């Protein structure tokens, strides 16, 4: 039997399939990571805006900070508690804080 030199076509195709699969998985993971970072950035900015509104209400300021056009702030107050809610992406995502009033 002759000694085989080089690779067979099947071996080359299998190795190409494995390399392609791994490359596609890495590209998909990179896309998911990029989307997660983008969502975390929006959430961090929303939290900062909510902190600003919270501080303004705490110090009884008349003018609340105006949020950028992508965000919507809703303040609900009753005799016993106050609820601050900020929404973005047409209310797809939101963050809420509730406080008991003295």
N, C-alpha and C. Protein backbone atom coordinates (compact mmCIF):
# COMPACT_ATOMS: atom_id res chain seq x y z
N UNK A 1 0.85 -1.17 0.00
CA UNK A 1 0.00 0.00 0.00
C UNK A 1 0.89 1.23 0.00
N UNK A 2 0.54 2.18 -0.85
CA UNK A 2 1.32 3.41 -0.95
C UNK A 2 1.06 4.31 0.25
N UNK A 3 2.09 5.03 0.65
CA UNK A 3 1.91 6.02 1.73
C UNK A 3 1.15 7.20 1.16
N UNK A 4 0.19 7.65 1.95
CA UNK A 4 -0.65 8.78 1.51
C UNK A 4 0.09 10.08 1.79
N UNK A 5 0.11 10.94 0.79
CA UNK A 5 0.71 12.26 0.97
C UNK A 5 -0.40 13.29 0.81
N UNK A 6 -0.49 14.22 1.76
CA UNK A 6 -1.51 15.26 1.67
C UNK A 6 -2.83 14.82 2.30
N UNK A 7 -3.85 15.59 2.02
CA UNK A 7 -5.17 15.35 2.60
C UNK A 7 -6.16 14.95 1.52
N UNK A 8 -7.15 14.17 1.91
CA UNK A 8 -8.19 13.81 0.96
C UNK A 8 -9.20 14.95 0.88
N UNK A 9 -10.02 14.90 -0.15
CA UNK A 9 -11.03 15.93 -0.35
C UNK A 9 -12.02 15.97 0.81
N UNK A 10 -12.39 14.81 1.34
CA UNK A 10 -13.33 14.74 2.45
C UNK A 10 -12.74 15.41 3.69
N UNK A 11 -11.48 15.16 3.96
CA UNK A 11 -10.83 15.79 5.12
C UNK A 11 -10.79 17.31 4.98
N UNK A 12 -10.51 17.78 3.80
CA UNK A 12 -10.48 19.22 3.56
C UNK A 12 -11.87 19.82 3.73
N UNK A 13 -12.89 19.16 3.20
CA UNK A 13 -14.26 19.68 3.32
C UNK A 13 -14.73 19.68 4.78
N UNK A 14 -14.42 18.64 5.53
CA UNK A 14 -14.80 18.59 6.94
C UNK A 14 -14.11 19.70 7.72
N UNK A 15 -12.83 19.90 7.47
CA UNK A 15 -12.12 20.96 8.20
C UNK A 15 -12.65 22.34 7.81
N UNK A 16 -12.98 22.55 6.54
CA UNK A 16 -13.58 23.83 6.13
C UNK A 16 -14.94 24.04 6.78
N UNK A 17 -15.72 22.97 6.89
CA UNK A 17 -17.03 23.08 7.54
C UNK A 17 -16.87 23.46 9.01
N UNK A 18 -15.91 22.84 9.69
CA UNK A 18 -15.68 23.17 11.09
C UNK A 18 -15.21 24.61 11.27
N UNK A 19 -14.30 25.05 10.45
CA UNK A 19 -13.80 26.43 10.54
C UNK A 19 -14.92 27.42 10.25
N UNK A 20 -15.74 27.13 9.25
CA UNK A 20 -16.86 28.02 8.91
C UNK A 20 -17.88 28.07 10.04
N UNK A 21 -18.19 26.92 10.62
CA UNK A 21 -19.15 26.88 11.73
C UNK A 21 -18.65 27.70 12.92
N UNK A 22 -17.40 27.54 13.27
CA UNK A 22 -16.83 28.29 14.39
C UNK A 22 -16.82 29.79 14.08
N UNK A 23 -16.47 30.16 12.86
CA UNK A 23 -16.46 31.58 12.48
C UNK A 23 -17.86 32.18 12.56
N UNK A 24 -18.86 31.45 12.08
CA UNK A 24 -20.24 31.95 12.15
C UNK A 24 -20.72 32.07 13.59
N UNK A 25 -20.32 31.14 14.44
CA UNK A 25 -20.70 31.22 15.85
C UNK A 25 -20.07 32.45 16.51
N UNK A 26 -18.82 32.74 16.17
CA UNK A 26 -18.16 33.91 16.73
C UNK A 26 -18.80 35.21 16.25
N UNK A 27 -19.19 35.26 14.99
CA UNK A 27 -19.86 36.46 14.46
C UNK A 27 -21.21 36.66 15.14
N UNK A 28 -21.96 35.57 15.34
CA UNK A 28 -23.25 35.67 16.02
C UNK A 28 -23.07 36.13 17.46
N UNK A 29 -22.08 35.59 18.15
CA UNK A 29 -21.82 35.99 19.53
C UNK A 29 -21.42 37.46 19.61
N UNK A 30 -20.65 37.92 18.65
CA UNK A 30 -20.25 39.32 18.63
C UNK A 30 -21.47 40.22 18.45
N UNK A 31 -22.40 39.83 17.59
CA UNK A 31 -23.62 40.60 17.39
C UNK A 31 -24.47 40.66 18.65
N UNK A 32 -24.59 39.53 19.34
CA UNK A 32 -25.36 39.50 20.58
C UNK A 32 -24.70 40.36 21.66
N UNK A 33 -23.38 40.31 21.73
CA UNK A 33 -22.66 41.12 22.71
C UNK A 33 -22.83 42.61 22.42
N UNK A 34 -22.77 42.97 21.15
CA UNK A 34 -22.95 44.37 20.76
C UNK A 34 -24.35 44.86 21.13
N UNK A 35 -25.37 44.04 20.90
CA UNK A 35 -26.75 44.41 21.26
C UNK A 35 -26.90 44.54 22.77
N UNK A 36 -26.31 43.64 23.52
CA UNK A 36 -26.38 43.70 24.98
C UNK A 36 -25.71 44.97 25.51
N UNK A 37 -24.57 45.32 24.96
CA UNK A 37 -23.88 46.55 25.39
C UNK A 37 -24.73 47.77 25.05
N UNK A 38 -25.38 47.76 23.90
CA UNK A 38 -26.24 48.89 23.51
C UNK A 38 -27.41 49.02 24.48
N UNK A 39 -28.04 47.90 24.84
CA UNK A 39 -29.15 47.94 25.79
C UNK A 39 -28.69 48.40 27.17
N UNK A 40 -27.52 47.95 27.60
CA UNK A 40 -27.00 48.39 28.89
C UNK A 40 -26.69 49.88 28.90
N UNK A 41 -26.23 50.39 27.78
CA UNK A 41 -25.96 51.82 27.67
C UNK A 41 -27.26 52.62 27.80
N UNK A 42 -28.31 52.18 27.11
CA UNK A 42 -29.61 52.85 27.23
C UNK A 42 -30.13 52.79 28.67
N UNK A 43 -29.96 51.63 29.31
CA UNK A 43 -30.45 51.47 30.68
C UNK A 43 -29.66 52.34 31.66
N UNK A 44 -28.35 52.45 31.47
CA UNK A 44 -27.54 53.31 32.34
C UNK A 44 -27.93 54.77 32.19
N UNK A 45 -28.17 55.19 30.95
CA UNK A 45 -28.59 56.57 30.71
C UNK A 45 -29.97 56.82 31.32
N UNK A 46 -30.87 55.86 31.20
CA UNK A 46 -32.20 56.00 31.80
C UNK A 46 -32.10 56.09 33.32
N UNK A 47 -31.21 55.32 33.91
CA UNK A 47 -31.02 55.36 35.36
C UNK A 47 -30.49 56.73 35.80
N UNK A 48 -29.58 57.31 35.03
CA UNK A 48 -29.07 58.64 35.35
C UNK A 48 -30.19 59.68 35.26
N UNK A 49 -31.01 59.58 34.23
CA UNK A 49 -32.13 60.52 34.10
C UNK A 49 -33.11 60.37 35.26
N UNK A 50 -33.38 59.13 35.64
CA UNK A 50 -34.28 58.88 36.76
C UNK A 50 -33.70 59.44 38.06
N UNK A 51 -32.40 59.33 38.24
CA UNK A 51 -31.74 59.93 39.41
C UNK A 51 -31.90 61.45 39.42
N UNK A 52 -31.75 62.08 38.26
CA UNK A 52 -31.89 63.53 38.18
C UNK A 52 -33.31 63.96 38.53
N UNK A 53 -34.30 63.24 38.02
CA UNK A 53 -35.70 63.57 38.34
C UNK A 53 -35.95 63.34 39.82
N UNK A 54 -35.43 62.25 40.35
CA UNK A 54 -35.60 61.94 41.76
C UNK A 54 -35.00 63.03 42.64
N UNK A 55 -33.81 63.50 42.31
CA UNK A 55 -33.18 64.57 43.08
C UNK A 55 -33.96 65.87 42.96
N UNK A 56 -34.47 66.16 41.78
CA UNK A 56 -35.26 67.38 41.60
C UNK A 56 -36.52 67.35 42.44
N UNK A 57 -37.17 66.20 42.49
CA UNK A 57 -38.38 66.08 43.32
C UNK A 57 -38.03 66.13 44.80
N UNK A 58 -36.90 65.56 45.18
CA UNK A 58 -36.49 65.55 46.58
C UNK A 58 -36.23 66.97 47.07
N UNK A 59 -35.63 67.80 46.23
CA UNK A 59 -35.33 69.18 46.61
C UNK A 59 -36.43 70.15 46.21
N UNK A 60 -37.59 69.63 45.88
CA UNK A 60 -38.78 70.43 45.55
C UNK A 60 -38.52 71.45 44.44
N UNK A 61 -37.78 71.05 43.44
CA UNK A 61 -37.58 71.94 42.30
C UNK A 61 -38.83 71.91 41.43
N UNK A 62 -39.17 73.06 40.91
CA UNK A 62 -40.37 73.17 40.09
C UNK A 62 -40.15 72.56 38.71
N UNK A 63 -39.00 72.85 38.12
CA UNK A 63 -38.72 72.36 36.77
C UNK A 63 -37.95 71.05 36.83
N UNK A 64 -38.57 70.01 36.30
CA UNK A 64 -37.89 68.73 36.22
C UNK A 64 -36.96 68.74 35.00
N UNK A 65 -35.87 68.00 35.07
CA UNK A 65 -34.99 67.93 33.90
C UNK A 65 -35.74 67.29 32.73
N UNK A 66 -35.57 67.86 31.56
CA UNK A 66 -36.28 67.31 30.41
C UNK A 66 -35.45 66.18 29.80
N UNK A 67 -36.08 65.04 29.59
CA UNK A 67 -35.34 63.91 29.02
C UNK A 67 -35.17 64.07 27.51
N UNK A 68 -34.21 63.39 26.94
CA UNK A 68 -34.09 63.40 25.47
C UNK A 68 -35.34 62.80 24.84
N UNK A 69 -35.50 63.02 23.56
CA UNK A 69 -36.74 62.61 22.89
C UNK A 69 -36.96 61.10 22.89
N UNK A 70 -35.91 60.31 23.10
CA UNK A 70 -36.07 58.86 23.10
C UNK A 70 -36.70 58.33 24.39
N UNK A 71 -36.72 59.16 25.42
CA UNK A 71 -37.21 58.73 26.73
C UNK A 71 -38.52 59.43 27.07
N UNK A 72 -39.32 58.75 27.90
CA UNK A 72 -40.56 59.33 28.40
C UNK A 72 -40.58 59.10 29.91
N UNK A 73 -40.77 60.18 30.68
CA UNK A 73 -40.80 60.09 32.14
C UNK A 73 -42.22 60.30 32.63
N UNK A 74 -42.64 59.42 33.53
CA UNK A 74 -43.98 59.51 34.12
C UNK A 74 -43.82 59.55 35.64
N UNK A 75 -44.40 60.58 36.26
CA UNK A 75 -44.35 60.73 37.72
C UNK A 75 -45.78 60.63 38.24
N UNK A 76 -46.01 59.66 39.11
CA UNK A 76 -47.33 59.49 39.73
C UNK A 76 -47.16 59.62 41.23
N UNK A 77 -48.02 60.44 41.81
CA UNK A 77 -47.91 60.68 43.25
C UNK A 77 -49.28 60.56 43.88
N UNK A 78 -49.34 59.81 44.96
CA UNK A 78 -50.56 59.72 45.75
C UNK A 78 -50.23 60.22 47.15
N UNK A 79 -51.15 60.09 48.06
CA UNK A 79 -50.90 60.57 49.42
C UNK A 79 -49.84 59.74 50.13
N UNK A 80 -49.73 58.47 49.78
CA UNK A 80 -48.82 57.59 50.51
C UNK A 80 -47.52 57.27 49.78
N UNK A 81 -47.53 57.33 48.45
CA UNK A 81 -46.30 56.98 47.74
C UNK A 81 -46.15 57.75 46.44
N UNK A 82 -44.96 57.65 45.89
CA UNK A 82 -44.65 58.29 44.62
C UNK A 82 -43.95 57.26 43.74
N UNK A 83 -44.33 57.24 42.46
CA UNK A 83 -43.75 56.31 41.51
C UNK A 83 -43.15 57.08 40.35
N UNK A 84 -41.89 56.82 40.07
CA UNK A 84 -41.21 57.40 38.91
C UNK A 84 -40.97 56.28 37.91
N UNK A 85 -41.35 56.52 36.67
CA UNK A 85 -41.12 55.52 35.63
C UNK A 85 -40.55 56.20 34.40
N UNK A 86 -39.51 55.61 33.85
CA UNK A 86 -38.93 56.11 32.61
C UNK A 86 -39.01 54.99 31.58
N UNK A 87 -39.45 55.34 30.38
CA UNK A 87 -39.60 54.36 29.30
C UNK A 87 -38.81 54.81 28.10
N UNK A 88 -38.39 53.87 27.30
CA UNK A 88 -37.70 54.19 26.04
C UNK A 88 -38.05 53.12 25.02
N UNK A 89 -37.74 53.41 23.77
CA UNK A 89 -38.12 52.56 22.63
C UNK A 89 -39.62 52.32 22.60
N UNK A 90 -40.38 53.42 22.65
CA UNK A 90 -41.85 53.37 22.57
C UNK A 90 -42.44 52.42 23.61
N UNK A 91 -42.00 52.58 24.86
CA UNK A 91 -42.46 51.81 26.02
C UNK A 91 -42.10 50.33 25.94
N UNK A 92 -41.16 49.97 25.09
CA UNK A 92 -40.72 48.58 25.03
C UNK A 92 -39.90 48.22 26.26
N UNK A 93 -39.08 49.17 26.71
CA UNK A 93 -38.28 48.99 27.92
C UNK A 93 -38.65 50.08 28.91
N UNK A 94 -38.60 49.75 30.19
CA UNK A 94 -38.89 50.77 31.20
C UNK A 94 -38.18 50.43 32.50
N UNK A 95 -38.10 51.45 33.35
CA UNK A 95 -37.50 51.32 34.66
C UNK A 95 -38.40 52.08 35.63
N UNK A 96 -38.65 51.50 36.79
CA UNK A 96 -39.60 52.10 37.72
C UNK A 96 -39.00 52.13 39.12
N UNK A 97 -39.29 53.22 39.83
CA UNK A 97 -38.91 53.34 41.24
C UNK A 97 -40.12 53.84 42.02
N UNK A 98 -40.33 53.26 43.17
CA UNK A 98 -41.44 53.67 44.04
C UNK A 98 -40.90 54.04 45.41
N UNK A 99 -41.50 55.07 45.99
CA UNK A 99 -41.08 55.56 47.31
C UNK A 99 -42.31 55.78 48.17
N UNK A 100 -42.17 55.48 49.44
CA UNK A 100 -43.22 55.82 50.41
C UNK A 100 -42.97 57.24 50.88
N UNK A 101 -44.03 58.02 50.90
CA UNK A 101 -43.91 59.41 51.35
C UNK A 101 -44.12 59.49 52.85
N UNK A 102 -43.43 60.43 53.49
CA UNK A 102 -43.58 60.57 54.95
C UNK A 102 -44.92 61.17 55.32
